């Protein structure tokens, strides 16, 4: 399966000797005079390889693929005093028309944990099914219309969370929204910089754009000592160890798993009120994860063939 993320491919640098160089230079001059810009690369461009994906093409009404996703259920507040009870019911999460649909509903519900709540929603994850260190993690999502207390998220959590504890295992919030359809947040949580002290960037959407009127691409490109966040392939912010508080540890050096959820209320967005409209819907077209490698240069490839 070949699914390439949006990217630009620079043109390799031109050789500077012999007749070929003269011909290339003439061609380049013509291109420039014609108004065509040509990029120059000093090294082979990277290439992306699809490592994992879910296109959510199951039958309408089907649960998320159990080979790829597991459920979090219950109403324990999840460290944020959230108001919902997460369930695995089709009314809260199902595949529909080639997408995953998560519905937050206003209803009285008591889960198997015995906790009574006035809202229901869903939270799914790839823990123990898929985790990866580094690469590009992306999802095409139409977020809810919003309102007070509506908190959708697409995020990553360190797969050592049980042994290391939170936030020592690390958390990468690719996208969160707290009710304002014209703004999103991308955040890192780690030891010494979590919760209210997390390293976060608020991104105002371009004029005329909204998170709920269509699908947008939310992504992170993660390499050793470097994490870049993107909205529709526009760079939101780049983070490196230099952004951490003095003495803090960069913990993004091991596999993380994926989480999708739609929370209601909580410490950060505040609680829903009578003006908040329900149901609220988060629609995910796909989730894709890539690994990255460098293409071998023609010279290196030729040398490899000659030694075989």
Protein backbone atom coordinates (compact mmCIF):
# COMPACT_ATOMS: atom_id res chain seq x y z
CA UNK A 1 0.00 0.00 0.00
CA UNK A 2 1.49 3.33 -1.04
CA UNK A 3 0.12 6.45 0.62
CA UNK A 4 2.47 9.39 0.55
CA UNK A 5 2.08 12.38 2.86
CA UNK A 6 2.02 15.81 1.23
CA UNK A 7 5.59 16.97 0.73
CA UNK A 8 7.84 18.83 -1.66
CA UNK A 9 10.77 17.15 -3.38
CA UNK A 10 13.77 19.41 -4.00
CA UNK A 11 15.72 19.16 -7.26
CA UNK A 12 19.24 17.70 -6.85
CA UNK A 13 22.18 20.07 -7.22
CA UNK A 14 23.67 20.43 -10.71
CA UNK A 15 27.12 19.15 -11.61
CA UNK A 16 29.55 22.03 -12.30
CA UNK A 17 31.89 20.58 -14.92
CA UNK A 18 31.87 19.52 -18.59
CA UNK A 19 29.35 19.89 -21.41
CA UNK A 20 26.53 18.51 -19.29
CA UNK A 21 26.96 21.41 -16.89
CA UNK A 22 26.74 23.90 -19.77
CA UNK A 23 23.55 22.28 -21.01
CA UNK A 24 22.05 22.16 -17.52
CA UNK A 25 22.99 25.79 -16.93
CA UNK A 26 21.33 26.84 -20.17
CA UNK A 27 18.17 24.91 -19.26
CA UNK A 28 18.15 26.39 -15.78
CA UNK A 29 18.49 29.90 -17.22
CA UNK A 30 15.50 29.31 -19.49
CA UNK A 31 13.44 28.02 -16.56
CA UNK A 32 14.27 31.05 -14.45
CA UNK A 33 13.48 33.44 -17.32
CA UNK A 34 10.18 31.65 -17.70
CA UNK A 35 9.31 32.35 -14.06
CA UNK A 36 9.84 28.78 -12.80
CA UNK A 37 11.64 28.43 -9.46
CA UNK A 38 13.97 25.45 -9.09
CA UNK A 39 14.98 24.22 -5.63
CA UNK A 40 18.49 22.95 -4.97
CA UNK A 41 19.23 20.17 -2.49
CA UNK A 42 22.60 19.49 -0.96
CA UNK A 43 21.68 15.93 0.06
CA UNK A 44 19.20 13.28 -1.09
CA UNK A 45 15.63 14.16 -0.04
CA UNK A 46 13.93 11.97 2.57
CA UNK A 47 11.29 9.46 1.65
CA UNK A 48 8.33 8.35 3.74
CA UNK A 49 7.27 4.73 4.13
CA UNK A 50 3.81 3.86 5.43
CA UNK A 51 4.23 1.84 8.61
CA UNK A 52 0.65 1.67 9.93
CA UNK A 53 -2.75 3.08 9.04
CA UNK A 54 -6.46 2.82 9.52
CA UNK A 55 -8.71 4.15 6.77
CA UNK A 56 -11.90 3.23 8.71
CA UNK A 57 -13.50 1.51 5.74
CA UNK A 58 -15.42 -1.07 7.78
CA UNK A 59 -19.19 -1.58 7.49
CA UNK A 60 -21.45 1.18 8.75
CA UNK A 61 -22.09 0.69 12.44
CA UNK A 62 -19.01 -1.47 12.99
CA UNK A 63 -16.70 -0.89 15.92
CA UNK A 64 -13.11 0.22 15.29
CA UNK A 65 -10.89 -2.63 14.07
CA UNK A 66 -9.98 -4.63 17.23
CA UNK A 67 -6.65 -5.58 15.67
CA UNK A 68 -5.73 -1.88 15.68
CA UNK A 69 -7.70 -0.22 18.48
CA UNK A 70 -8.76 -0.88 22.06
CA UNK A 71 -11.27 1.00 24.21
CA UNK A 72 -10.87 3.02 27.37
CA UNK A 73 -14.14 2.91 29.33
CA UNK A 74 -15.50 4.42 32.51
CA UNK A 75 -16.14 7.74 34.16
CA UNK A 76 -13.23 8.21 36.55
CA UNK A 77 -12.32 11.71 35.28
CA UNK A 78 -8.91 10.61 33.92
CA UNK A 79 -6.87 13.05 35.99
CA UNK A 80 -8.67 16.08 34.54
CA UNK A 81 -12.06 15.94 36.30
CA UNK A 82 -13.75 15.15 32.98
CA UNK A 83 -17.53 14.74 33.07
CA UNK A 84 -18.11 11.94 30.55
CA UNK A 85 -18.30 8.19 30.87
CA UNK A 86 -16.38 6.58 28.00
CA UNK A 87 -18.11 3.60 26.41
CA UNK A 88 -17.63 1.15 23.55
CA UNK A 89 -21.26 1.46 22.42
CA UNK A 90 -22.01 2.14 18.72
CA UNK A 91 -23.93 5.28 19.71
CA UNK A 92 -20.62 6.68 20.98
CA UNK A 93 -18.14 5.24 18.46
CA UNK A 94 -18.55 3.49 15.12
CA UNK A 95 -17.31 3.37 11.55
CA UNK A 96 -19.57 5.12 9.08
CA UNK A 97 -19.16 5.93 5.38
CA UNK A 98 -15.40 5.44 5.43
CA UNK A 99 -14.74 7.38 8.62
CA UNK A 100 -14.62 6.86 12.37
CA UNK A 101 -17.32 8.80 14.22
CA UNK A 102 -17.05 9.59 17.93
CA UNK A 103 -20.23 11.03 19.47
CA UNK A 104 -20.39 12.89 22.77
CA UNK A 105 -23.94 12.70 24.12
CA UNK A 106 -25.81 14.31 26.98
CA UNK A 107 -27.47 11.40 28.80
CA UNK A 108 -27.48 9.79 32.23
CA UNK A 109 -25.26 6.72 32.19
CA UNK A 110 -23.60 4.44 34.72
CA UNK A 111 -20.75 2.33 33.38
CA UNK A 112 -19.41 -0.99 34.62
CA UNK A 113 -17.20 0.98 37.03
CA UNK A 114 -20.35 2.07 38.85
CA UNK A 115 -19.70 5.79 38.28
CA UNK A 116 -22.80 7.74 37.24
CA UNK A 117 -22.27 10.49 34.69
CA UNK A 118 -24.49 12.86 32.71
CA UNK A 119 -22.49 12.61 29.46
CA UNK A 120 -21.08 9.76 27.36
CA UNK A 121 -18.36 9.66 24.71
CA UNK A 122 -15.51 7.43 23.47
CA UNK A 123 -11.74 7.08 23.75
CA UNK A 124 -9.73 4.56 21.71
CA UNK A 125 -6.01 3.77 21.63
CA UNK A 126 -3.38 1.51 20.03
CA UNK A 127 -1.63 0.54 23.26
CA UNK A 128 -0.17 -3.01 23.09
CA UNK A 129 -1.25 -3.10 19.41
CA UNK A 130 0.97 -0.47 17.79
CA UNK A 131 3.63 1.96 18.98
CA UNK A 132 6.50 3.67 17.19
CA UNK A 133 9.41 5.95 17.96
CA UNK A 134 9.97 8.73 15.43
CA UNK A 135 8.31 9.28 12.05
CA UNK A 136 5.24 11.15 10.87
CA UNK A 137 1.90 10.64 12.66
CA UNK A 138 -1.06 12.24 10.92
CA UNK A 139 -4.86 12.21 10.95
CA UNK A 140 -7.51 13.84 8.81
CA UNK A 141 -10.21 15.02 11.21
CA UNK A 142 -13.36 17.12 11.22
CA UNK A 143 -13.60 18.35 14.80
CA UNK A 144 -16.83 19.07 16.68
CA UNK A 145 -18.67 22.37 16.39
CA UNK A 146 -17.47 23.11 19.90
CA UNK A 147 -18.84 25.12 22.76
CA UNK A 148 -17.93 25.27 26.42
CA UNK A 149 -16.48 22.01 27.72
CA UNK A 150 -15.94 20.25 24.37
CA UNK A 151 -12.41 18.80 24.22
CA UNK A 152 -11.39 16.59 21.26
CA UNK A 153 -7.81 15.32 20.97
CA UNK A 154 -5.43 13.32 18.77
CA UNK A 155 -2.34 12.48 20.82
CA UNK A 156 0.51 10.11 21.64
CA UNK A 157 1.52 8.60 24.97
CA UNK A 158 4.78 6.87 25.87
CA UNK A 159 4.36 3.09 25.87
CA UNK A 160 6.36 2.92 29.12
CA UNK A 161 3.69 4.86 31.01
CA UNK A 162 3.06 1.95 33.40
CA UNK A 163 6.69 1.55 34.42
CA UNK A 164 7.79 5.19 34.21
CA UNK A 165 4.52 6.82 35.23
CA UNK A 166 3.02 10.00 33.83
CA UNK A 167 4.48 12.41 32.78
CA UNK A 168 7.90 10.73 32.90
CA UNK A 169 6.95 8.54 29.93
CA UNK A 170 6.10 11.62 27.87
CA UNK A 171 3.00 12.86 26.05
CA UNK A 172 2.73 14.48 22.61
CA UNK A 173 -0.59 16.25 22.02
CA UNK A 174 -0.70 16.62 18.24
CA UNK A 175 -4.02 18.49 18.32
CA UNK A 176 -6.41 19.61 21.04
CA UNK A 177 -9.34 21.99 20.77
CA UNK A 178 -11.32 23.47 23.65
CA UNK A 179 -14.43 24.87 22.05
CA UNK A 180 -13.06 27.69 19.89
CA UNK A 181 -13.42 26.56 16.25
CA UNK A 182 -10.69 28.98 15.12
CA UNK A 183 -7.84 27.85 17.41
CA UNK A 184 -5.97 24.62 18.19
CA UNK A 185 -3.21 23.62 20.60
CA UNK A 186 -0.12 21.41 20.20
CA UNK A 187 1.65 20.44 23.41
CA UNK A 188 4.44 18.44 25.03
CA UNK A 189 4.16 17.02 28.56
CA UNK A 190 7.17 15.58 30.36
CA UNK A 191 8.88 15.54 33.76
CA UNK A 192 9.03 19.11 35.04
CA UNK A 193 6.82 20.49 32.26
CA UNK A 194 3.34 18.98 32.46
CA UNK A 195 -0.22 20.05 33.14
CA UNK A 196 -0.43 23.83 33.51
CA UNK A 197 3.34 24.03 32.94
CA UNK A 198 3.35 22.03 29.71
CA UNK A 199 5.15 23.36 26.63
CA UNK A 200 2.20 24.40 24.47
CA UNK A 201 1.58 26.40 21.31
CA UNK A 202 -1.77 27.96 20.43
CA UNK A 203 -2.33 28.17 16.69
CA UNK A 204 -4.98 30.56 15.32
CA UNK A 205 -6.35 29.08 12.11
CA UNK A 206 -6.02 31.06 8.88
CA UNK A 207 -8.81 33.60 8.36
CA UNK A 208 -11.93 31.88 7.13
CA UNK A 209 -10.87 28.41 8.33
CA UNK A 210 -12.67 26.46 11.04
CA UNK A 211 -12.01 23.08 12.64
CA UNK A 212 -15.60 21.89 12.24
CA UNK A 213 -16.63 22.94 8.73
CA UNK A 214 -14.43 20.37 6.98
CA UNK A 215 -11.55 17.95 7.36
CA UNK A 216 -8.09 19.22 8.24
CA UNK A 217 -4.78 17.37 8.41
CA UNK A 218 -3.13 17.35 11.82
CA UNK A 219 0.38 15.92 11.99
CA UNK A 220 3.63 15.65 13.88
CA UNK A 221 7.04 14.88 12.37
CA UNK A 222 9.22 13.44 15.10
CA UNK A 223 12.96 12.83 14.91
CA UNK A 224 15.64 12.49 17.61
CA UNK A 225 15.73 15.78 19.52
CA UNK A 226 13.22 17.43 17.18
CA UNK A 227 9.40 17.48 17.00
CA UNK A 228 7.47 19.55 14.44
CA UNK A 229 3.69 20.10 14.59
CA UNK A 230 1.63 20.82 11.46
CA UNK A 231 -1.84 22.03 10.50
CA UNK A 232 -2.66 21.21 6.85
CA UNK A 233 1.14 20.94 6.39
CA UNK A 234 1.67 24.48 7.68
CA UNK A 235 4.27 24.41 10.45
CA UNK A 236 2.73 25.32 13.80
CA UNK A 237 5.85 25.04 15.96
CA UNK A 238 9.13 23.13 16.23
CA UNK A 239 10.34 21.80 19.59
CA UNK A 240 13.83 20.68 20.62
CA UNK A 241 15.54 20.06 24.00
CA UNK A 242 16.42 23.78 24.01
CA UNK A 243 12.73 24.54 24.66
CA UNK A 244 12.66 22.62 27.95
CA UNK A 245 12.97 24.29 31.36
CA UNK A 246 16.50 24.27 32.83
CA UNK A 247 17.41 20.79 34.03
CA UNK A 248 14.37 19.12 32.43
CA UNK A 249 14.75 15.86 30.49
CA UNK A 250 13.81 15.25 26.84
CA UNK A 251 11.88 11.95 27.08
CA UNK A 252 10.85 11.53 23.42
CA UNK A 253 13.27 8.72 22.59
CA UNK A 254 11.11 5.59 22.78
CA UNK A 255 7.89 4.25 21.19
CA UNK A 256 4.59 6.07 21.76
CA UNK A 257 1.06 4.79 21.05
CA UNK A 258 -1.92 6.68 19.54
CA UNK A 259 -5.06 7.96 21.27
CA UNK A 260 -8.24 9.51 19.84
CA UNK A 261 -10.89 10.85 22.20
CA UNK A 262 -13.63 13.39 22.70
CA UNK A 263 -13.85 14.57 26.31
CA UNK A 264 -16.60 16.62 27.94
CA UNK A 265 -15.57 19.14 30.59
CA UNK A 266 -12.45 19.04 32.70
CA UNK A 267 -9.89 21.27 34.35
CA UNK A 268 -8.68 22.94 31.16
CA UNK A 269 -11.77 23.62 29.00
CA UNK A 270 -14.14 24.04 31.93
CA UNK A 271 -17.46 22.26 32.26
CA UNK A 272 -20.26 22.25 29.74
CA UNK A 273 -23.29 24.41 30.46
CA UNK A 274 -26.82 24.82 29.14
CA UNK A 275 -25.52 26.69 26.10
CA UNK A 276 -23.41 23.71 24.96
CA UNK A 277 -25.22 21.83 22.21
CA UNK A 278 -25.29 18.01 22.14
CA UNK A 279 -24.57 15.64 20.53
CA UNK A 280 -21.07 16.70 19.46
CA UNK A 281 -19.28 14.73 16.76
CA UNK A 282 -15.61 14.10 15.95
CA UNK A 283 -15.11 12.49 12.53
CA UNK A 284 -11.78 10.88 11.59
CA UNK A 285 -11.20 10.10 7.92
CA UNK A 286 -7.93 8.25 8.51
CA UNK A 287 -4.89 7.88 10.75
CA UNK A 288 -1.50 7.13 9.12
CA UNK A 289 1.98 6.62 10.51
CA UNK A 290 5.18 6.75 8.45
CA UNK A 291 8.83 5.96 8.97
CA UNK A 292 11.49 8.08 7.35
CA UNK A 293 14.72 7.21 5.58
CA UNK A 294 17.11 8.87 3.15
CA UNK A 295 17.24 7.81 -0.47
CA UNK A 296 20.69 6.55 -1.47
CA UNK A 297 22.53 8.84 -3.85
CA UNK A 298 23.18 7.54 -7.40
CA UNK A 299 26.91 7.44 -6.65
CA UNK A 300 26.41 5.35 -3.53
CA UNK A 301 24.06 3.01 -5.40
CA UNK A 302 26.58 2.50 -8.22
CA UNK A 303 29.39 1.83 -5.75
CA UNK A 304 27.20 -0.74 -3.99
CA UNK A 305 26.53 -2.55 -7.29
CA UNK A 306 30.22 -2.61 -8.19
CA UNK A 307 31.13 -4.31 -4.91
CA UNK A 308 28.56 -7.09 -5.28
